[in-house]
Amino acid sequence: MNLLHFTCSTVWRGHEQMIIDIYESLEDNKLVQKQLIVCPIGSKIFEIATQRNLNVIGVQYKSEYSIKIAKELKNIADHNKSDLVLLHNSKSHTIGVVSSMFCGLKIPLVLFRTLIKNVGTNFFRKFKYNYKGIKKIICVSDPVVDILKATIKNHQKMVVVGSVVDTDKFCLHKKNGFLHREFSIPQGYKIIGNVSAFCKVKDHYTWVDTVAELYKRGVKAKYVLIGEGGLENEIKEYVKSKGLQNEIIFAGFRTDVQQCIPEFDLFLFTSNNEATGGVILESYACKVPVVAARAGGVPTVLQDNVTGLLAEAGNAIDFADKVEVFLNCPITLNKCVDNGYDFLMRTASRIVIGHKINAVLSQVVDEEYSLI
């Protein structure tokens, strides 16, 4: 197969990392002949794809309703002799449909969906999800499928493959103490961390409230937040209002997350509407215990008291209680760490997800091109 991955995203979050992981998993396992990423020039994914010597073309993105970029997508796909166009975000979804309807793009479209979010009642949004040129919608979890069922007429279009983790990248299992040194954290203090964008769904307010409760209980720990985003300054002000400036460390955007997570003694994940939570799987890969919210698709990757501990979404007291279970019970902690790692390797490694996605794409190609 010859695949074209298309995204209009300019940010770097879980889905953008997933595009790179899918590309490399298909390439590493020699499952496809050729791949190409088409994305906004100067975007983070363009930069990272270039650094990793992946086939990438940058386009000048201005609007998802631009006929110009829809024509450009068609021309790139034709020139590349692509068998499938894989659409990786909402704006690329729109452009793909416009290109197919008005610009002569004849190649089958496959949509990737990683959000638990209702499509709404907007006519065009509902139309583009049911557009006949979209042959499959690949979802990362069952809750993503469930919320789309109200909009998608043909439920057979949707298939769940799960999230993917680069276990060669997230492979460190031992601490070397560099975060303690970098942030002057006293020896003997635990590090409880989180990696996520500062946006509403991540519920950093509950994260801070949990820290406040743990601090009140006398837990010897420092708390590290890795990431950036629109709510960052708001959360910093909230931390100040709680008097926790010396307890919570804002580490900003980092390119060494795969080295930071193994330094955590515990990953605290308060997101209240996550499709799966790729960072949970990355923590499993690094053998770091996870306390996460019982919300969205998280329970599909975190089985309570088996691979981690679940807390009630928004309930800082429950989160603090679960954190203390891990800190005070090494038997429970070690059991969950071992089970989490086993779960990851069975369900979310590159080789597993690569073969799952390849099977779906091969089915589309076989069905479409057998009709010609």
Protein backbone atom coordinates (compact mmCIF):
# COMPACT_ATOMS: atom_id res chain seq x y z
CA MET A 1 0.00 0.00 0.00
CA ASN A 2 0.94 3.62 -0.57
CA LEU A 3 -0.45 5.85 2.20
CA LEU A 4 -0.89 9.61 2.54
CA HIS A 5 -1.30 10.92 6.10
CA PHE A 6 -2.96 14.36 6.17
CA THR A 7 -3.31 16.70 9.15
CA CYS A 8 -3.87 20.44 9.49
CA SER A 9 -2.77 20.48 13.13
CA THR A 10 -0.14 22.99 14.21
CA VAL A 11 0.12 21.81 17.83
CA TRP A 12 1.98 18.83 19.27
CA ARG A 13 -0.21 16.60 21.38
CA GLY A 14 -1.19 12.96 21.62
CA HIS A 15 -2.70 12.62 18.16
CA GLU A 16 0.27 14.23 16.45
CA GLN A 17 2.59 11.82 18.26
CA MET A 18 0.26 9.02 17.17
CA ILE A 19 0.70 9.97 13.49
CA ILE A 20 4.46 9.58 13.84
CA ASP A 21 4.06 6.31 15.75
CA ILE A 22 1.66 4.88 13.15
CA TYR A 23 3.95 5.90 10.29
CA GLU A 24 7.00 4.36 11.93
CA SER A 25 5.20 1.23 13.12
CA LEU A 26 3.99 0.49 9.59
CA GLU A 27 7.45 1.24 8.23
CA ASP A 28 9.40 -0.71 10.87
CA ASN A 29 7.23 -3.79 10.35
CA LYS A 30 7.45 -3.45 6.55
CA LEU A 31 3.67 -3.48 6.29
CA VAL A 32 3.36 -0.81 3.56
CA GLN A 33 5.37 0.16 0.49
CA LYS A 34 5.39 3.94 0.84
CA GLN A 35 4.06 6.67 3.13
CA LEU A 36 3.84 10.46 3.03
CA ILE A 37 2.84 13.00 5.68
CA VAL A 38 1.17 16.20 4.44
CA CYS A 39 0.89 18.90 7.12
CA PRO A 40 1.21 22.67 7.61
CA ILE A 41 4.68 23.92 6.82
CA GLY A 42 6.44 25.06 10.00
CA SER A 43 4.14 23.03 12.27
CA LYS A 44 5.58 20.88 15.04
CA ILE A 45 4.73 17.66 13.22
CA PHE A 46 6.44 19.00 10.07
CA GLU A 47 9.53 19.78 12.14
CA ILE A 48 9.62 16.39 13.88
CA ALA A 49 8.87 14.40 10.71
CA THR A 50 11.72 16.24 8.98
CA GLN A 51 14.12 15.58 11.86
CA ARG A 52 13.27 11.87 11.73
CA ASN A 53 13.78 11.69 7.96
CA LEU A 54 10.17 10.76 7.25
CA ASN A 55 8.61 11.61 3.89
CA VAL A 56 6.83 14.91 4.52
CA ILE A 57 5.41 17.74 2.44
CA GLY A 58 4.50 21.09 3.99
CA VAL A 59 1.48 23.04 2.76
CA GLN A 60 0.32 26.58 3.46
CA TYR A 61 -2.83 25.99 5.49
CA LYS A 62 -5.28 28.88 5.88
CA SER A 63 -8.80 27.48 6.02
CA GLU A 64 -10.46 24.09 6.12
CA TYR A 65 -12.86 25.34 3.44
CA SER A 66 -10.11 26.42 1.04
CA ILE A 67 -10.59 25.01 -2.45
CA LYS A 68 -6.94 25.78 -3.12
CA ILE A 69 -5.63 23.41 -0.45
CA ALA A 70 -8.28 20.83 -1.40
CA LYS A 71 -6.91 20.89 -4.97
CA GLU A 72 -3.37 20.71 -3.62
CA LEU A 73 -4.24 17.62 -1.59
CA LYS A 74 -5.69 15.96 -4.71
CA ASN A 75 -2.58 16.80 -6.76
CA ILE A 76 -0.20 15.51 -4.07
CA ALA A 77 -2.17 12.28 -3.70
CA ASP A 78 -2.18 11.75 -7.48
CA HIS A 79 1.51 12.54 -7.85
CA ASN A 80 2.32 10.23 -4.93
CA LYS A 81 0.09 7.49 -6.43
CA SER A 82 -1.51 7.06 -3.01
CA ASP A 83 -3.92 4.19 -2.41
CA LEU A 84 -5.51 5.77 0.69
CA VAL A 85 -5.70 9.20 2.30
CA LEU A 86 -5.67 9.03 6.10
CA LEU A 87 -7.31 12.06 7.74
CA HIS A 88 -5.99 12.87 11.20
CA ASN A 89 -7.95 15.86 12.50
CA SER A 90 -11.24 17.67 12.00
CA LYS A 91 -9.92 20.28 9.58
CA SER A 92 -8.15 17.72 7.42
CA HIS A 93 -11.41 15.74 7.48
CA THR A 94 -13.24 18.74 6.02
CA ILE A 95 -10.58 19.33 3.36
CA GLY A 96 -10.56 15.66 2.42
CA VAL A 97 -14.32 15.68 1.86
CA VAL A 98 -14.18 18.95 -0.11
CA SER A 99 -11.34 17.58 -2.23
CA SER A 100 -13.30 14.40 -2.92
CA MET A 101 -16.57 16.20 -3.74
CA PHE A 102 -15.31 19.14 -5.76
CA CYS A 103 -11.68 18.61 -6.79
CA GLY A 104 -11.64 15.13 -8.28
CA LEU A 105 -9.92 13.24 -5.46
CA LYS A 106 -10.93 9.65 -6.19
CA ILE A 107 -8.85 7.93 -3.49
CA PRO A 108 -10.69 6.29 -0.54
CA LEU A 109 -10.56 8.25 2.74
CA VAL A 110 -9.96 6.81 6.22
CA LEU A 111 -10.60 8.98 9.27
CA PHE A 112 -8.78 8.64 12.59
CA ARG A 113 -10.75 9.73 15.66
CA THR A 114 -9.20 10.18 19.10
CA LEU A 115 -11.70 12.50 20.82
CA ILE A 116 -14.69 11.70 22.99
CA LYS A 117 -16.74 14.59 21.68
CA ASN A 118 -20.23 14.82 20.27
CA VAL A 119 -20.35 15.83 16.61
CA GLY A 120 -23.33 18.09 17.29
CA THR A 121 -26.25 19.04 15.09
CA ASN A 122 -24.40 21.11 12.47
CA PHE A 123 -25.52 19.81 9.07
CA PHE A 124 -22.13 19.77 7.38
CA ARG A 125 -20.39 18.17 10.37
CA LYS A 126 -22.94 15.35 10.36
CA PHE A 127 -22.69 15.08 6.58
CA LYS A 128 -18.90 14.79 6.50
CA TYR A 129 -18.91 11.91 9.01
CA ASN A 130 -21.40 10.04 6.84
CA TYR A 131 -19.80 11.02 3.53
CA LYS A 132 -19.62 8.00 1.24
CA GLY A 133 -15.91 8.60 0.52
CA ILE A 134 -15.06 7.93 4.18
CA LYS A 135 -14.61 4.16 4.10
CA LYS A 136 -13.53 3.58 7.70
CA ILE A 137 -13.33 5.55 10.94
CA ILE A 138 -10.51 4.23 13.10
CA CYS A 139 -11.14 4.99 16.79
CA VAL A 140 -8.79 4.64 19.75
CA SER A 141 -11.39 3.33 22.19
CA ASP A 142 -14.96 2.07 22.53
CA PRO A 143 -16.18 5.31 24.19
CA VAL A 144 -15.14 7.19 21.03
CA VAL A 145 -17.29 4.80 19.00
CA ASP A 146 -20.18 5.08 21.44
CA ILE A 147 -20.40 8.88 21.20
CA LEU A 148 -20.23 8.78 17.39
CA LYS A 149 -23.05 6.24 17.06
CA ALA A 150 -25.68 8.97 17.33
CA THR A 151 -24.21 10.63 14.22
CA ILE A 152 -22.81 7.80 12.10
CA LYS A 153 -25.53 5.97 10.17
CA ASN A 154 -23.38 2.98 9.23
CA HIS A 155 -21.84 1.73 12.47
CA GLN A 156 -19.85 -0.84 10.51
CA LYS A 157 -17.60 2.00 9.34
CA MET A 158 -16.17 2.33 12.84
CA VAL A 159 -13.41 0.12 14.19
CA VAL A 160 -11.37 0.29 17.41
CA VAL A 161 -7.61 -0.27 17.25
CA GLY A 162 -6.39 1.40 20.47
CA SER A 163 -3.47 3.74 21.16
CA VAL A 164 0.14 3.07 20.27
CA VAL A 165 3.36 3.58 22.25
CA ASP A 166 6.92 3.55 20.96
CA THR A 167 8.39 1.10 23.46
CA ASP A 168 11.86 1.63 22.01
CA LYS A 169 11.59 5.29 22.98
CA PHE A 170 9.83 4.80 26.32
CA CYS A 171 12.18 2.12 27.54
CA LEU A 172 13.88 3.49 30.66
CA HIS A 173 12.84 1.73 33.87
CA LYS A 174 15.31 3.15 36.36
CA LYS A 175 15.81 6.61 37.82
CA ASN A 176 19.07 8.50 37.52
CA GLY A 177 17.93 11.45 39.63
CA PHE A 178 18.24 14.18 37.02
CA LEU A 179 14.89 15.81 37.84
CA HIS A 180 15.87 15.91 41.50
CA ARG A 181 19.07 17.68 40.47
CA GLU A 182 17.51 19.97 37.87
CA PHE A 183 14.83 21.29 40.21
CA SER A 184 16.79 20.97 43.49
CA ILE A 185 14.34 18.47 44.91
CA PRO A 186 15.62 17.10 48.23
CA GLN A 187 16.71 13.49 48.30
CA GLY A 188 14.09 11.36 49.96
CA TYR A 189 11.25 13.32 48.37
CA LYS A 190 9.01 11.51 45.90
CA ILE A 191 8.21 13.04 42.52
CA ILE A 192 4.56 12.94 41.50
CA GLY A 193 4.12 14.12 37.93
CA ASN A 194 1.87 14.74 34.99
CA VAL A 195 2.42 15.36 31.27
CA SER A 196 -0.42 17.11 29.46
CA ALA A 197 -1.50 20.28 27.72
CA PHE A 198 -3.04 22.96 29.91
CA CYS A 199 -6.62 22.73 28.68
CA LYS A 200 -9.99 22.26 30.34
CA VAL A 201 -10.35 18.51 29.80
CA LYS A 202 -7.10 17.77 31.68
CA ASP A 203 -8.66 19.20 34.87
CA HIS A 204 -5.51 20.67 36.37
CA TYR A 205 -7.66 22.25 39.08
CA THR A 206 -8.34 18.82 40.57
CA TRP A 207 -4.64 17.99 40.13
CA VAL A 208 -3.68 21.07 42.19
CA ASP A 209 -6.39 20.34 44.76
CA THR A 210 -4.98 16.82 45.11
CA VAL A 211 -1.53 18.25 45.73
CA ALA A 212 -3.00 20.56 48.36
CA GLU A 213 -4.57 17.57 50.14
CA LEU A 214 -1.36 15.49 49.97
CA TYR A 215 0.66 18.45 51.27
CA LYS A 216 -1.79 18.88 54.14
CA ARG A 217 -1.32 15.19 54.99
CA GLY A 218 2.43 15.65 55.19
CA VAL A 219 3.41 13.57 52.15
CA LYS A 220 7.10 14.11 51.37
CA ALA A 221 6.88 14.85 47.67
CA LYS A 222 7.32 17.49 45.02
CA TYR A 223 4.94 17.76 42.09
CA VAL A 224 5.99 18.27 38.46
CA LEU A 225 3.72 19.48 35.66
CA ILE A 226 5.13 19.06 32.15
CA GLY A 227 3.35 20.79 29.28
CA GLU A 228 2.06 24.09 27.97
CA GLY A 229 -1.27 25.48 26.82
CA GLY A 230 -3.86 28.20 27.05
CA LEU A 231 -4.76 27.64 30.71
CA GLU A 232 -1.18 27.54 32.00
CA ASN A 233 -1.15 31.06 33.50
CA GLU A 234 -4.59 30.49 35.03
CA ILE A 235 -3.37 27.30 36.73
CA LYS A 236 -0.24 29.08 37.95
CA GLU A 237 -2.43 31.71 39.58
CA TYR A 238 -4.52 28.97 41.18
CA VAL A 239 -1.35 27.37 42.57
CA LYS A 240 -0.40 30.73 44.10
CA SER A 241 -3.85 31.11 45.64
CA LYS A 242 -3.31 27.72 47.31
CA GLY A 243 0.14 28.69 48.58
CA LEU A 244 1.75 25.80 46.71
CA GLN A 245 4.38 27.71 44.69
CA ASN A 246 7.19 25.82 46.42
CA GLU A 247 5.54 22.43 45.97
CA ILE A 248 4.44 22.44 42.32
CA ILE A 249 7.06 22.77 39.58
CA PHE A 250 6.00 23.99 36.14
CA ALA A 251 8.52 22.31 33.85
CA GLY A 252 7.11 23.65 30.57
CA PHE A 253 7.18 21.89 27.21
CA ARG A 254 9.91 19.24 27.09
CA THR A 255 11.40 17.15 24.33
CA ASP A 256 12.75 14.59 26.83
CA VAL A 257 9.43 13.29 28.20
CA GLN A 258 10.65 9.73 27.67
CA GLN A 259 13.43 10.47 30.17
CA CYS A 260 11.26 12.46 32.58
CA ILE A 261 8.48 9.93 33.16
CA PRO A 262 10.85 7.25 34.57
CA GLU A 263 11.92 9.84 37.17
CA PHE A 264 8.35 9.99 38.51
CA ASP A 265 7.50 7.87 41.52
CA LEU A 266 3.86 8.15 40.47
CA PHE A 267 1.91 9.52 37.49
CA LEU A 268 -1.18 11.48 38.58
CA PHE A 269 -3.70 11.83 35.76
CA THR A 270 -6.85 13.85 36.52
CA SER A 271 -8.18 14.28 32.96
CA ASN A 272 -11.97 13.96 33.03
CA ASN A 273 -12.76 13.03 29.42
CA GLU A 274 -9.87 11.18 27.79
CA ALA A 275 -10.29 8.79 24.88
CA THR A 276 -7.62 6.50 26.35
CA GLY A 277 -4.80 8.53 27.82
CA GLY A 278 -1.64 7.74 25.86
CA VAL A 279 0.50 8.97 28.74
CA ILE A 280 -0.96 6.21 30.90
CA LEU A 281 0.43 3.67 28.45
CA GLU A 282 3.76 5.53 28.31
CA SER A 283 3.89 5.33 32.10
CA TYR A 284 3.27 1.59 31.89
CA ALA A 285 6.20 1.37 29.45
CA CYS A 286 8.43 3.15 31.98
CA LYS A 287 7.07 1.01 34.85
CA VAL A 288 5.67 4.03 36.69
CA PRO A 289 2.45 3.50 38.72
CA VAL A 290 -0.62 5.47 37.63
CA VAL A 291 -3.55 6.99 39.49
CA ALA A 292 -6.15 8.23 37.00
CA ALA A 293 -9.75 9.43 36.79
CA ARG A 294 -12.51 6.93 36.21
CA ALA A 295 -13.74 8.85 33.17
CA GLY A 296 -14.01 8.61 29.41
CA GLY A 297 -11.94 5.82 27.91
CA VAL A 298 -9.44 5.60 30.76
CA PRO A 299 -11.01 2.41 32.22
CA THR A 300 -10.40 0.71 28.86
CA VAL A 301 -6.64 0.91 29.48
CA LEU A 302 -6.49 1.08 33.29
CA GLN A 303 -8.13 -1.72 35.24
CA ASP A 304 -8.63 -0.63 38.83
CA ASN A 305 -6.31 -2.34 41.31
CA VAL A 306 -4.87 -4.43 38.47
CA THR A 307 -2.86 -2.09 36.22
CA GLY A 308 -3.33 1.06 38.31
CA LEU A 309 -5.78 2.84 40.58
CA LEU A 310 -8.89 4.74 39.52
CA ALA A 311 -10.30 7.72 41.40
CA GLU A 312 -13.57 9.58 41.03
CA ALA A 313 -13.18 12.36 38.46
CA GLY A 314 -12.96 15.77 40.12
CA ASN A 315 -12.62 14.30 43.62
CA ALA A 316 -9.27 15.46 45.04
CA ILE A 317 -9.77 13.55 48.30
CA ASP A 318 -10.26 10.28 46.42
CA PHE A 319 -7.19 10.99 44.28
CA ALA A 320 -5.11 11.72 47.37
CA ASP A 321 -6.33 8.51 49.03
CA LYS A 322 -5.32 6.46 45.97
CA VAL A 323 -1.91 8.13 45.79
CA GLU A 324 -1.29 7.19 49.42
CA VAL A 325 -2.28 3.58 48.73
CA PHE A 326 0.59 3.34 46.25
CA LEU A 327 3.04 5.25 48.44
CA ASN A 328 2.29 3.10 51.47
CA CYS A 329 1.77 -0.32 49.87
CA PRO A 330 4.69 -1.50 47.70
CA ILE A 331 2.99 -4.85 47.07
CA THR A 332 0.02 -3.15 45.37
CA LEU A 333 2.34 -0.76 43.55
CA ASN A 334 4.61 -3.49 42.17
CA LYS A 335 1.65 -5.64 41.14
CA CYS A 336 0.09 -2.79 39.15
CA VAL A 337 3.41 -1.80 37.58
CA ASP A 338 4.06 -5.35 36.36
CA ASN A 339 0.49 -5.81 35.10
CA GLY A 340 0.51 -2.42 33.39
CA TYR A 341 3.69 -3.24 31.51
CA ASP A 342 2.28 -6.60 30.41
CA PHE A 343 -0.96 -4.93 29.26
CA LEU A 344 0.99 -2.41 27.20
CA MET A 345 3.09 -5.02 25.44
CA ARG A 346 0.03 -7.14 24.63
CA THR A 347 -2.20 -4.34 23.36
CA ALA A 348 -0.39 -1.11 22.47
CA SER A 349 3.12 -1.77 21.22
CA ARG A 350 4.05 -0.60 17.74
CA ILE A 351 4.03 -4.10 16.32
CA VAL A 352 0.56 -4.86 17.73
CA ILE A 353 -1.07 -1.59 16.62
CA GLY A 354 0.79 -1.59 13.31
CA HIS A 355 -0.69 -4.96 12.39
CA LYS A 356 -4.18 -3.90 13.55
CA ILE A 357 -4.15 -0.73 11.45
CA ASN A 358 -2.64 -2.53 8.48
CA ALA A 359 -5.46 -5.09 8.60
CA VAL A 360 -8.10 -2.33 8.49
CA LEU A 361 -6.40 -0.41 5.69
CA SER A 362 -5.77 -3.57 3.66
CA GLN A 363 -9.47 -4.42 3.91
CA VAL A 364 -10.40 -0.98 2.55
CA VAL A 365 -7.94 -1.28 -0.32
CA ASP A 366 -9.06 -4.82 -1.18
CA GLU A 367 -12.74 -3.86 -1.15
CA GLU A 368 -12.32 -0.62 -3.09
CA TYR A 369 -9.91 -1.69 -5.78
CA SER A 370 -11.58 -5.05 -6.38
CA LEU A 371 -14.53 -3.04 -7.72
CA ILE A 372 -12.45 -1.34 -10.41
